[in-house]
Amino acid sequence: MKMSKKIVVDKELCKGHDNGRCVQIAPEVFDTRGEYPKVVDTEELDDEKIQRLIKNCPSEAIKVIEE
């Protein structure tokens, strides 16, 4: 059985750096209508883009949970 990956944004850590670096990298993944980016769709994300999201978050607010 293949493990799926879930991306979460820790709202306590997220500071919205540079108007959301994560949103700039993967705008199709996030809903930005609230205080912090909310993950809405990760189906199209490959491992490379996931790693870019994690590396480019200066607050280390983006985490991946394998389910």
N, C-alpha and C. Protein backbone atom coordinates (compact mmCIF):
# COMPACT_ATOMS: atom_id res chain seq x y z
N MET A 1 0.84 -1.18 0.00
CA MET A 1 0.00 0.00 0.00
C MET A 1 0.88 1.25 0.00
N LYS A 2 0.60 2.16 -0.92
CA LYS A 2 1.39 3.39 -1.04
C LYS A 2 0.98 4.39 0.03
N MET A 3 1.99 4.98 0.68
CA MET A 3 1.73 6.01 1.68
C MET A 3 1.45 7.33 0.96
N SER A 4 0.46 8.06 1.43
CA SER A 4 0.21 9.38 0.87
C SER A 4 0.84 10.42 1.78
N LYS A 5 1.14 11.56 1.19
CA LYS A 5 1.77 12.63 1.95
C LYS A 5 0.78 13.77 2.13
N LYS A 6 0.70 14.24 3.35
CA LYS A 6 -0.16 15.37 3.67
C LYS A 6 0.73 16.53 4.09
N ILE A 7 0.50 17.69 3.51
CA ILE A 7 1.26 18.89 3.87
C ILE A 7 0.42 19.69 4.85
N VAL A 8 1.06 20.14 5.91
CA VAL A 8 0.38 20.98 6.89
C VAL A 8 1.19 22.24 7.14
N VAL A 9 0.49 23.32 7.40
CA VAL A 9 1.14 24.58 7.76
C VAL A 9 0.82 24.84 9.23
N ASP A 10 1.86 24.97 10.04
CA ASP A 10 1.70 25.26 11.46
C ASP A 10 1.38 26.74 11.60
N LYS A 11 0.14 27.03 11.93
CA LYS A 11 -0.28 28.44 11.99
C LYS A 11 0.40 29.22 13.11
N GLU A 12 0.95 28.52 14.08
CA GLU A 12 1.69 29.20 15.15
C GLU A 12 3.06 29.68 14.66
N LEU A 13 3.63 28.97 13.70
CA LEU A 13 4.96 29.30 13.18
C LEU A 13 4.91 30.18 11.93
N CYS A 14 3.85 30.07 11.14
CA CYS A 14 3.76 30.78 9.86
C CYS A 14 3.73 32.29 10.08
N LYS A 15 4.61 32.98 9.37
CA LYS A 15 4.68 34.45 9.45
C LYS A 15 4.38 35.11 8.10
N GLY A 16 4.08 34.32 7.08
CA GLY A 16 3.75 34.88 5.77
C GLY A 16 4.91 35.59 5.11
N HIS A 17 6.13 35.10 5.29
CA HIS A 17 7.33 35.74 4.73
C HIS A 17 7.21 35.99 3.23
N ASP A 18 7.65 37.17 2.83
CA ASP A 18 7.66 37.56 1.41
C ASP A 18 6.31 37.29 0.74
N ASN A 19 5.24 37.66 1.42
CA ASN A 19 3.89 37.43 0.91
C ASN A 19 3.63 35.96 0.63
N GLY A 20 4.21 35.10 1.41
CA GLY A 20 3.99 33.66 1.29
C GLY A 20 4.86 33.00 0.25
N ARG A 21 6.09 32.71 0.60
CA ARG A 21 6.98 32.01 -0.34
C ARG A 21 6.35 30.72 -0.81
N CYS A 22 5.66 30.03 0.09
CA CYS A 22 5.02 28.76 -0.28
C CYS A 22 3.98 28.99 -1.38
N VAL A 23 3.23 30.06 -1.26
CA VAL A 23 2.20 30.36 -2.25
C VAL A 23 2.84 30.71 -3.59
N GLN A 24 3.98 31.37 -3.56
CA GLN A 24 4.68 31.70 -4.80
C GLN A 24 5.18 30.44 -5.50
N ILE A 25 5.61 29.45 -4.72
CA ILE A 25 6.14 28.20 -5.29
C ILE A 25 5.01 27.31 -5.81
N ALA A 26 3.92 27.21 -5.05
CA ALA A 26 2.83 26.31 -5.41
C ALA A 26 1.47 26.95 -5.14
N PRO A 27 1.09 27.96 -5.94
CA PRO A 27 -0.16 28.66 -5.69
C PRO A 27 -1.40 27.77 -5.78
N GLU A 28 -1.30 26.69 -6.53
CA GLU A 28 -2.43 25.78 -6.70
C GLU A 28 -2.73 24.98 -5.43
N VAL A 29 -1.83 25.00 -4.49
CA VAL A 29 -1.95 24.18 -3.28
C VAL A 29 -2.60 24.93 -2.12
N PHE A 30 -2.50 26.25 -2.11
CA PHE A 30 -2.88 27.02 -0.94
C PHE A 30 -4.07 27.94 -1.16
N ASP A 31 -4.87 28.08 -0.11
CA ASP A 31 -5.93 29.06 -0.04
C ASP A 31 -5.40 30.18 0.87
N THR A 32 -5.33 31.38 0.36
CA THR A 32 -4.73 32.49 1.12
C THR A 32 -5.75 33.47 1.66
N ARG A 33 -6.99 33.07 1.74
CA ARG A 33 -8.02 34.00 2.20
C ARG A 33 -8.07 34.19 3.71
N GLY A 34 -7.29 33.43 4.47
CA GLY A 34 -7.29 33.57 5.93
C GLY A 34 -6.03 34.27 6.41
N GLU A 35 -5.74 34.09 7.69
CA GLU A 35 -4.55 34.71 8.29
C GLU A 35 -3.25 34.10 7.79
N TYR A 36 -3.29 32.83 7.47
CA TYR A 36 -2.11 32.11 7.02
C TYR A 36 -2.52 31.18 5.89
N PRO A 37 -1.58 30.76 5.03
CA PRO A 37 -1.93 29.87 3.92
C PRO A 37 -2.47 28.53 4.43
N LYS A 38 -3.59 28.13 3.87
CA LYS A 38 -4.20 26.85 4.21
C LYS A 38 -4.04 25.90 3.03
N VAL A 39 -3.59 24.70 3.30
CA VAL A 39 -3.41 23.70 2.26
C VAL A 39 -4.77 23.20 1.80
N VAL A 40 -5.01 23.27 0.47
CA VAL A 40 -6.29 22.81 -0.05
C VAL A 40 -6.16 21.64 -1.02
N ASP A 41 -5.05 21.52 -1.72
CA ASP A 41 -4.91 20.45 -2.71
C ASP A 41 -3.44 20.11 -2.91
N THR A 42 -3.09 18.86 -2.65
CA THR A 42 -1.69 18.45 -2.81
C THR A 42 -1.54 17.34 -3.83
N GLU A 43 -2.59 17.02 -4.55
CA GLU A 43 -2.55 15.89 -5.48
C GLU A 43 -1.51 16.05 -6.59
N GLU A 44 -1.27 17.26 -7.04
CA GLU A 44 -0.35 17.48 -8.14
C GLU A 44 1.09 17.71 -7.70
N LEU A 45 1.34 17.70 -6.40
CA LEU A 45 2.69 17.98 -5.91
C LEU A 45 3.59 16.76 -5.99
N ASP A 46 4.74 16.96 -6.59
CA ASP A 46 5.73 15.88 -6.59
C ASP A 46 6.70 16.11 -5.43
N ASP A 47 7.53 15.12 -5.17
CA ASP A 47 8.46 15.20 -4.04
C ASP A 47 9.41 16.39 -4.14
N GLU A 48 9.83 16.72 -5.36
CA GLU A 48 10.75 17.85 -5.54
C GLU A 48 10.11 19.17 -5.11
N LYS A 49 8.86 19.37 -5.50
CA LYS A 49 8.18 20.62 -5.14
C LYS A 49 7.90 20.65 -3.63
N ILE A 50 7.58 19.52 -3.05
CA ILE A 50 7.37 19.46 -1.61
C ILE A 50 8.64 19.87 -0.88
N GLN A 51 9.78 19.37 -1.32
CA GLN A 51 11.05 19.73 -0.69
C GLN A 51 11.36 21.21 -0.86
N ARG A 52 11.01 21.79 -2.02
CA ARG A 52 11.21 23.24 -2.23
C ARG A 52 10.36 24.04 -1.26
N LEU A 53 9.13 23.61 -1.04
CA LEU A 53 8.26 24.30 -0.09
C LEU A 53 8.87 24.30 1.30
N ILE A 54 9.33 23.14 1.74
CA ILE A 54 9.90 23.00 3.07
C ILE A 54 11.18 23.85 3.20
N LYS A 55 12.08 23.76 2.21
CA LYS A 55 13.35 24.50 2.27
C LYS A 55 13.17 26.00 2.22
N ASN A 56 12.12 26.48 1.55
CA ASN A 56 11.94 27.91 1.36
C ASN A 56 11.09 28.57 2.44
N CYS A 57 10.70 27.83 3.45
CA CYS A 57 9.93 28.42 4.54
C CYS A 57 10.87 28.79 5.68
N PRO A 58 11.17 30.09 5.84
CA PRO A 58 12.10 30.50 6.88
C PRO A 58 11.59 30.24 8.30
N SER A 59 10.29 30.10 8.46
CA SER A 59 9.72 29.83 9.78
C SER A 59 9.64 28.34 10.09
N GLU A 60 9.98 27.52 9.10
CA GLU A 60 9.87 26.06 9.24
C GLU A 60 8.46 25.65 9.63
N ALA A 61 7.48 26.32 9.03
CA ALA A 61 6.08 26.08 9.36
C ALA A 61 5.45 24.97 8.52
N ILE A 62 6.12 24.56 7.45
CA ILE A 62 5.56 23.54 6.57
C ILE A 62 6.12 22.18 6.95
N LYS A 63 5.21 21.25 7.17
CA LYS A 63 5.58 19.89 7.55
C LYS A 63 4.88 18.91 6.62
N VAL A 64 5.47 17.73 6.49
CA VAL A 64 4.85 16.66 5.71
C VAL A 64 4.58 15.50 6.65
N ILE A 65 3.36 15.02 6.57
CA ILE A 65 2.96 13.86 7.37
C ILE A 65 2.63 12.74 6.39
N GLU A 66 3.23 11.59 6.59
CA GLU A 66 2.91 10.44 5.74
C GLU A 66 1.79 9.66 6.39
N GLU A 67 0.77 9.38 5.57
CA GLU A 67 -0.40 8.66 6.08
C GLU A 67 -0.50 7.29 5.44
